[in-house]
C-alpha atoms as a PDB file:
ATOM      1  CA  MET A   1       7.941  20.062  51.107  1.00  0.00           C
ATOM      2  CA  THR A   2      11.318  20.538  49.390  1.00  0.00           C
ATOM      3  CA  PHE A   3      12.410  23.878  47.989  1.00  0.00           C
ATOM      4  CA  ILE A   4      15.017  24.217  45.260  1.00  0.00           C
ATOM      5  CA  SER A   5      16.924  27.437  45.051  1.00  0.00           C
ATOM      6  CA  LYS A   6      16.511  29.409  41.808  1.00  0.00           C
ATOM      7  CA  SER A   7      20.275  29.683  41.701  1.00  0.00           C
ATOM      8  CA  LEU A   8      20.477  25.876  41.392  1.00  0.00           C
ATOM      9  CA  LEU A   9      17.924  25.747  38.552  1.00  0.00           C
ATOM     10  CA  ARG A  10      19.593  28.510  36.496  1.00  0.00           C
ATOM     11  CA  PRO A  11      22.491  26.295  35.204  1.00  0.00           C
ATOM     12  CA  ALA A  12      20.070  23.448  34.322  1.00  0.00           C
ATOM     13  CA  ARG A  13      17.721  25.648  32.249  1.00  0.00           C
ATOM     14  CA  PRO A  14      19.828  25.572  29.005  1.00  0.00           C
ATOM     15  CA  LEU A  15      20.229  21.805  29.320  1.00  0.00           C
ATOM     16  CA  LEU A  16      16.490  21.273  29.756  1.00  0.00           C
ATOM     17  CA  THR A  17      15.693  23.636  26.870  1.00  0.00           C
ATOM     18  CA  GLY A  18      18.174  21.806  24.613  1.00  0.00           C
ATOM     19  CA  LEU A  19      16.727  18.438  25.580  1.00  0.00           C
ATOM     20  CA  ALA A  20      13.201  19.628  24.757  1.00  0.00           C
ATOM     21  CA  LEU A  21      14.324  20.956  21.355  1.00  0.00           C
ATOM     22  CA  CYS A  22      16.133  17.690  20.507  1.00  0.00           C
ATOM     23  CA  THR A  23      13.055  15.657  21.425  1.00  0.00           C
ATOM     24  CA  ALA A  24      10.853  17.865  19.232  1.00  0.00           C
ATOM     25  CA  ALA A  25      13.315  17.612  16.324  1.00  0.00           C
ATOM     26  CA  LEU A  26      13.423  13.806  16.536  1.00  0.00           C
ATOM     27  CA  ALA A  27       9.621  13.598  16.602  1.00  0.00           C
ATOM     28  CA  ALA A  28       9.351  15.865  13.550  1.00  0.00           C
ATOM     29  CA  GLN A  29      12.109  13.942  11.752  1.00  0.00           C
ATOM     30  CA  ALA A  30      10.391  10.546  12.016  1.00  0.00           C
ATOM     31  CA  GLN A  31       6.821  11.710  11.551  1.00  0.00           C
ATOM     32  CA  VAL A  32       4.496   9.842   9.170  1.00  0.00           C
ATOM     33  CA  THR A  33       1.208  11.495   8.259  1.00  0.00           C
ATOM     34  CA  VAL A  34      -1.959   9.409   7.931  1.00  0.00           C
ATOM     35  CA  LYS A  35      -5.061  10.925   6.291  1.00  0.00           C
ATOM     36  CA  ASP A  36      -8.595   9.685   5.626  1.00  0.00           C
ATOM     37  CA  ALA A  37      -8.208   6.279   7.310  1.00  0.00           C
ATOM     38  CA  TRP A  38     -11.239   4.023   6.888  1.00  0.00           C
ATOM     39  CA  VAL A  39     -12.152   0.344   7.072  1.00  0.00           C
ATOM     40  CA  ARG A  40     -14.841  -1.372   5.045  1.00  0.00           C
ATOM     41  CA  ALA A  41     -17.705  -2.474   7.325  1.00  0.00           C
ATOM     42  CA  THR A  42     -18.573  -6.189   7.204  1.00  0.00           C
ATOM     43  CA  VAL A  43     -21.602  -8.460   7.272  1.00  0.00           C
ATOM     44  CA  ALA A  44     -22.274 -11.104   9.941  1.00  0.00           C
ATOM     45  CA  GLN A  45     -20.157 -14.060   8.720  1.00  0.00           C
ATOM     46  CA  GLN A  46     -17.448 -12.089   6.925  1.00  0.00           C
ATOM     47  CA  LYS A  47     -13.985 -12.894   8.325  1.00  0.00           C
ATOM     48  CA  SER A  48     -11.870 -10.309   6.468  1.00  0.00           C
ATOM     49  CA  THR A  49     -11.974  -6.715   5.308  1.00  0.00           C
ATOM     50  CA  GLY A  50      -9.735  -3.979   3.962  1.00  0.00           C
ATOM     51  CA  ALA A  51      -8.376  -0.786   5.496  1.00  0.00           C
ATOM     52  CA  PHE A  52      -7.530   2.227   3.367  1.00  0.00           C
ATOM     53  CA  MET A  53      -5.822   5.600   3.858  1.00  0.00           C
ATOM     54  CA  GLN A  54      -3.276   8.053   2.504  1.00  0.00           C
ATOM     55  CA  LEU A  55       0.279   7.878   3.909  1.00  0.00           C
ATOM     56  CA  SER A  56       3.098  10.376   3.559  1.00  0.00           C
ATOM     57  CA  SER A  57       6.458  10.968   5.202  1.00  0.00           C
ATOM     58  CA  ALA A  58       9.063  13.730   5.100  1.00  0.00           C
ATOM     59  CA  LYS A  59      11.796  11.081   4.884  1.00  0.00           C
ATOM     60  CA  PRO A  60      11.788   7.827   2.911  1.00  0.00           C
ATOM     61  CA  VAL A  61      10.369   5.025   5.070  1.00  0.00           C
ATOM     62  CA  LYS A  62       8.731   1.638   4.583  1.00  0.00           C
ATOM     63  CA  LEU A  63       5.474   0.363   6.028  1.00  0.00           C
ATOM     64  CA  VAL A  64       6.678  -2.977   7.400  1.00  0.00           C
ATOM     65  CA  GLY A  65       3.850  -4.092   9.662  1.00  0.00           C
ATOM     66  CA  VAL A  66       0.281  -3.621  10.773  1.00  0.00           C
ATOM     67  CA  SER A  67      -1.805  -4.984  13.611  1.00  0.00           C
ATOM     68  CA  SER A  68      -5.256  -4.435  15.075  1.00  0.00           C
ATOM     69  CA  PRO A  69      -7.060  -5.844  18.094  1.00  0.00           C
ATOM     70  CA  VAL A  70     -10.097  -6.564  15.857  1.00  0.00           C
ATOM     71  CA  ALA A  71      -8.166  -9.053  13.672  1.00  0.00           C
ATOM     72  CA  GLY A  72      -6.137 -12.182  14.283  1.00  0.00           C
ATOM     73  CA  VAL A  73      -3.999 -11.409  11.214  1.00  0.00           C
ATOM     74  CA  ALA A  74      -3.237  -8.059   9.568  1.00  0.00           C
ATOM     75  CA  GLU A  75      -1.047  -7.594   6.498  1.00  0.00           C
ATOM     76  CA  VAL A  76      -0.013  -5.033   3.908  1.00  0.00           C
ATOM     77  CA  HIS A  77      -1.394  -6.178   0.530  1.00  0.00           C
ATOM     78  CA  GLU A  78      -1.220  -5.301  -3.130  1.00  0.00           C
ATOM     79  CA  MET A  79      -3.833  -5.982  -5.795  1.00  0.00           C
ATOM     80  CA  LYS A  80      -2.944  -5.734  -9.460  1.00  0.00           C
ATOM     81  CA  MET A  81      -3.896  -7.093 -12.842  1.00  0.00           C
ATOM     82  CA  ASP A  82      -1.741  -9.988 -14.023  1.00  0.00           C
ATOM     83  CA  GLY A  83      -2.586 -11.462 -17.435  1.00  0.00           C
ATOM     84  CA  GLY A  84      -6.172 -10.241 -17.248  1.00  0.00           C
ATOM     85  CA  VAL A  85      -6.672 -11.630 -13.722  1.00  0.00           C
ATOM     86  CA  MET A  86      -6.851  -9.490 -10.594  1.00  0.00           C
ATOM     87  CA  LYS A  87      -4.382 -10.932  -8.080  1.00  0.00           C
ATOM     88  CA  MET A  88      -3.774 -10.078  -4.459  1.00  0.00           C
ATOM     89  CA  ARG A  89      -0.601 -10.759  -2.521  1.00  0.00           C
ATOM     90  CA  PRO A  90       0.907  -9.752   0.822  1.00  0.00           C
ATOM     91  CA  LEU A  91       3.894  -7.402   0.775  1.00  0.00           C
ATOM     92  CA  GLU A  92       6.853  -7.538   3.146  1.00  0.00           C
ATOM     93  CA  ALA A  93       7.104  -3.739   2.947  1.00  0.00           C
ATOM     94  CA  LEU A  94       5.503  -0.792   1.171  1.00  0.00           C
ATOM     95  CA  ASP A  95       7.846   2.073   0.244  1.00  0.00           C
ATOM     96  CA  LEU A  96       6.852   5.638   1.117  1.00  0.00           C
ATOM     97  CA  PRO A  97       9.108   7.984  -0.886  1.00  0.00           C
ATOM     98  CA  ALA A  98       9.977  11.258   0.862  1.00  0.00           C
ATOM     99  CA  GLY A  99       7.348  13.940   0.371  1.00  0.00           C
ATOM    100  CA  GLN A 100       5.052  11.783  -1.804  1.00  0.00           C
ATOM    101  CA  ALA A 101       1.615  10.569  -0.750  1.00  0.00           C
ATOM    102  CA  VAL A 102       0.950   6.839  -1.134  1.00  0.00           C
ATOM    103  CA  GLU A 103      -2.720   5.959  -1.460  1.00  0.00           C
ATOM    104  CA  LEU A 104      -4.017   2.716   0.048  1.00  0.00           C
ATOM    105  CA  LYS A 105      -7.300   2.138  -1.776  1.00  0.00           C
ATOM    106  CA  PRO A 106      -9.592  -0.619  -3.075  1.00  0.00           C
ATOM    107  CA  GLY A 107      -8.064  -2.472  -6.021  1.00  0.00           C
ATOM    108  CA  SER A 108      -4.506  -1.356  -5.170  1.00  0.00           C
ATOM    109  CA  PHE A 109      -2.324  -1.224  -2.066  1.00  0.00           C
ATOM    110  CA  HIS A 110      -4.349  -1.748   1.121  1.00  0.00           C
ATOM    111  CA  LEU A 111      -4.256  -3.283   4.580  1.00  0.00           C
ATOM    112  CA  MET A 112      -5.952  -6.651   4.932  1.00  0.00           C
ATOM    113  CA  LEU A 113      -7.603  -7.473   8.267  1.00  0.00           C
ATOM    114  CA  MET A 114      -8.266 -11.214   8.506  1.00  0.00           C
ATOM    115  CA  GLU A 115      -9.635 -13.598  11.129  1.00  0.00           C
ATOM    116  CA  LEU A 116     -11.931 -10.836  12.366  1.00  0.00           C
ATOM    117  CA  LYS A 117     -13.010 -11.341  15.958  1.00  0.00           C
ATOM    118  CA  SER A 118     -16.465  -9.824  15.331  1.00  0.00           C
ATOM    119  CA  PRO A 119     -18.273  -7.966  12.538  1.00  0.00           C
ATOM    120  CA  ILE A 120     -17.210  -4.370  11.928  1.00  0.00           C
ATOM    121  CA  LYS A 121     -20.252  -2.119  11.858  1.00  0.00           C
ATOM    122  CA  ASP A 122     -20.718   1.119   9.933  1.00  0.00           C
ATOM    123  CA  GLY A 123     -19.642   4.050  12.113  1.00  0.00           C
ATOM    124  CA  GLU A 124     -17.395   2.044  14.456  1.00  0.00           C
ATOM    125  CA  THR A 125     -13.814   3.119  15.102  1.00  0.00           C
ATOM    126  CA  VAL A 126     -11.164   0.521  14.292  1.00  0.00           C
ATOM    127  CA  PRO A 127      -7.734   0.911  15.938  1.00  0.00           C
ATOM    128  CA  LEU A 128      -4.728   0.126  13.748  1.00  0.00           C
ATOM    129  CA  SER A 129      -1.024   0.097  14.624  1.00  0.00           C
ATOM    130  CA  LEU A 130       1.231   0.820  11.638  1.00  0.00           C
ATOM    131  CA  VAL A 131       4.955   0.065  11.882  1.00  0.00           C
ATOM    132  CA  PHE A 132       7.343   2.102   9.723  1.00  0.00           C
ATOM    133  CA  GLU A 133      11.067   1.527   9.229  1.00  0.00           C
ATOM    134  CA  GLY A 134      13.555   4.202   8.173  1.00  0.00           C
ATOM    135  CA  ALA A 135      16.779   3.808   6.222  1.00  0.00           C
ATOM    136  CA  ASP A 136      18.588   3.582   9.586  1.00  0.00           C
ATOM    137  CA  LYS A 137      16.470   0.466  10.397  1.00  0.00           C
ATOM    138  CA  LYS A 138      14.824   2.260  13.331  1.00  0.00           C
ATOM    139  CA  ARG A 139      11.135   1.517  13.669  1.00  0.00           C
ATOM    140  CA  GLU A 140       8.278   3.826  14.584  1.00  0.00           C
ATOM    141  CA  THR A 141       4.716   2.775  15.397  1.00  0.00           C
ATOM    142  CA  VAL A 142       1.862   5.089  14.454  1.00  0.00           C
ATOM    143  CA  GLU A 143      -1.524   4.529  16.089  1.00  0.00           C
ATOM    144  CA  VAL A 144      -4.483   5.178  13.773  1.00  0.00           C
ATOM    145  CA  LYS A 145      -8.221   5.342  14.440  1.00  0.00           C
ATOM    146  CA  ALA A 146     -10.037   4.364  11.228  1.00  0.00           C
ATOM    147  CA  SER A 147     -13.769   4.834  10.786  1.00  0.00           C
ATOM    148  CA  ALA A 148     -15.824   1.934   9.430  1.00  0.00           C
ATOM    149  CA  ARG A 149     -17.856   2.718   6.327  1.00  0.00           C
ATOM    150  CA  GLY A 150     -20.948   0.848   5.208  1.00  0.00           C
ATOM    151  CA  MET A 151     -21.289  -1.543   2.327  1.00  0.00           C
ATOM    152  CA  GLY A 152     -22.671   1.020  -0.165  1.00  0.00           C
ATOM    153  CA  MET A 153     -20.408   2.987  -2.452  1.00  0.00           C
ATOM    154  CA  MET A 154     -16.896   3.303  -1.098  1.00  0.00           C
ATOM    155  CA  GLN A 155     -14.244   5.958  -1.575  1.00  0.00           C
ATOM    156  CA  GLY A 156     -13.135   6.247  -5.177  1.00  0.00           C
ATOM    157  CA  GLY A 157     -16.545   5.239  -6.532  1.00  0.00           C
ATOM    158  CA  MET A 158     -15.894   1.499  -6.289  1.00  0.00           C
ATOM    159  CA  PRO A 159     -18.983  -0.459  -5.208  1.00  0.00           C
ATOM    160  CA  ALA A 160     -18.327  -2.492  -2.063  1.00  0.00           C
ATOM    161  CA  GLY A 161     -18.931  -5.786  -3.876  1.00  0.00           C
ATOM    162  CA  MET A 162     -16.163  -5.039  -6.365  1.00  0.00           C
ATOM    163  CA  GLY A 163     -13.459  -5.605  -3.755  1.00  0.00           C
ATOM    164  CA  HIS A 164     -11.530  -8.831  -3.490  1.00  0.00           C
ATOM    165  CA  LYS A 165     -12.624 -11.946  -1.683  1.00  0.00           C
ATOM    166  CA  HIS A 166      -9.955 -13.360   0.557  1.00  0.00           C
ATOM    167  CA  GLY A 167      -9.492 -17.033  -0.147  1.00  0.00           C
ATOM    168  CA  ALA A 168     -10.340 -16.897  -3.864  1.00  0.00           C
ATOM    169  CA  ALA A 169      -8.344 -19.444  -5.855  1.00  0.00           C
ATOM    170  CA  SER A 170      -5.901 -16.992  -7.425  1.00  0.00           C
ATOM    171  CA  ALA A 171      -5.359 -15.092  -4.165  1.00  0.00           C
ATOM    172  CA  ALA A 172      -5.034 -18.228  -2.033  1.00  0.00           C
ATOM    173  CA  GLN A 173      -2.118 -19.460  -4.114  1.00  0.00           C
ATOM    174  CA  GLU A 174      -0.134 -16.300  -3.364  1.00  0.00           C
ATOM    175  CA  HIS A 175      -0.863 -16.068   0.369  1.00  0.00           C
ATOM    176  CA  LYS A 176       1.565 -17.443   2.898  1.00  0.00           C
ATOM    177  CA  HIS A 177       0.296 -17.221   6.470  1.00  0.00           C
END
C-alpha cells in the first residue's frame, strides 16, 4: 500500500479543482437538450418509421447526423407542402438557433429510420445517437432513449396513418441514399 503525504497533495489541489471546473464549463457550454423523444411503432412488414422530439441548445449548433442500432439508415428529414403536394427530403443539417426550441414532429422536421432490422413495438425503447456540430466545427454526440408509441393517435393530434410513406413517388425522387 502506498501512502502520499498530505503536504504533497496540497499544491495539486488548486490544479485539480481548476481542471474539474473547466471540464464542467465545457460540458455546460456544448450541451444540447432533448425533450419528449418518441418513435412511431411499426407493423410487421414496415421497413421505416419516424422519430420525433424537441431539441434546444444554449449555443447555435446544427444537427448533422443520426444513427440507431435498430435501423440500417437514419437521416434528418423535412416534410413540407410544395405546390399542393407534401414532399419529404433528407437534410444535410438542421439548424438549432441559440435558446430556441426546434420541434421534430410529424409533417415537419423529423428523423427517418429506414431499413429497420425488426418491427418496433409500442412501449419499446429505441436508442438514437444524435450528432451536433458547433460553429467551431467541433462535434458532440448525444445519446437518446426514445419510447415507441403505438399506431393510434400520435403527438400533435395527427393520426398515425397521416404520416408519410417512404418510397412514395414524390419522396423517392428527392431521396439520395
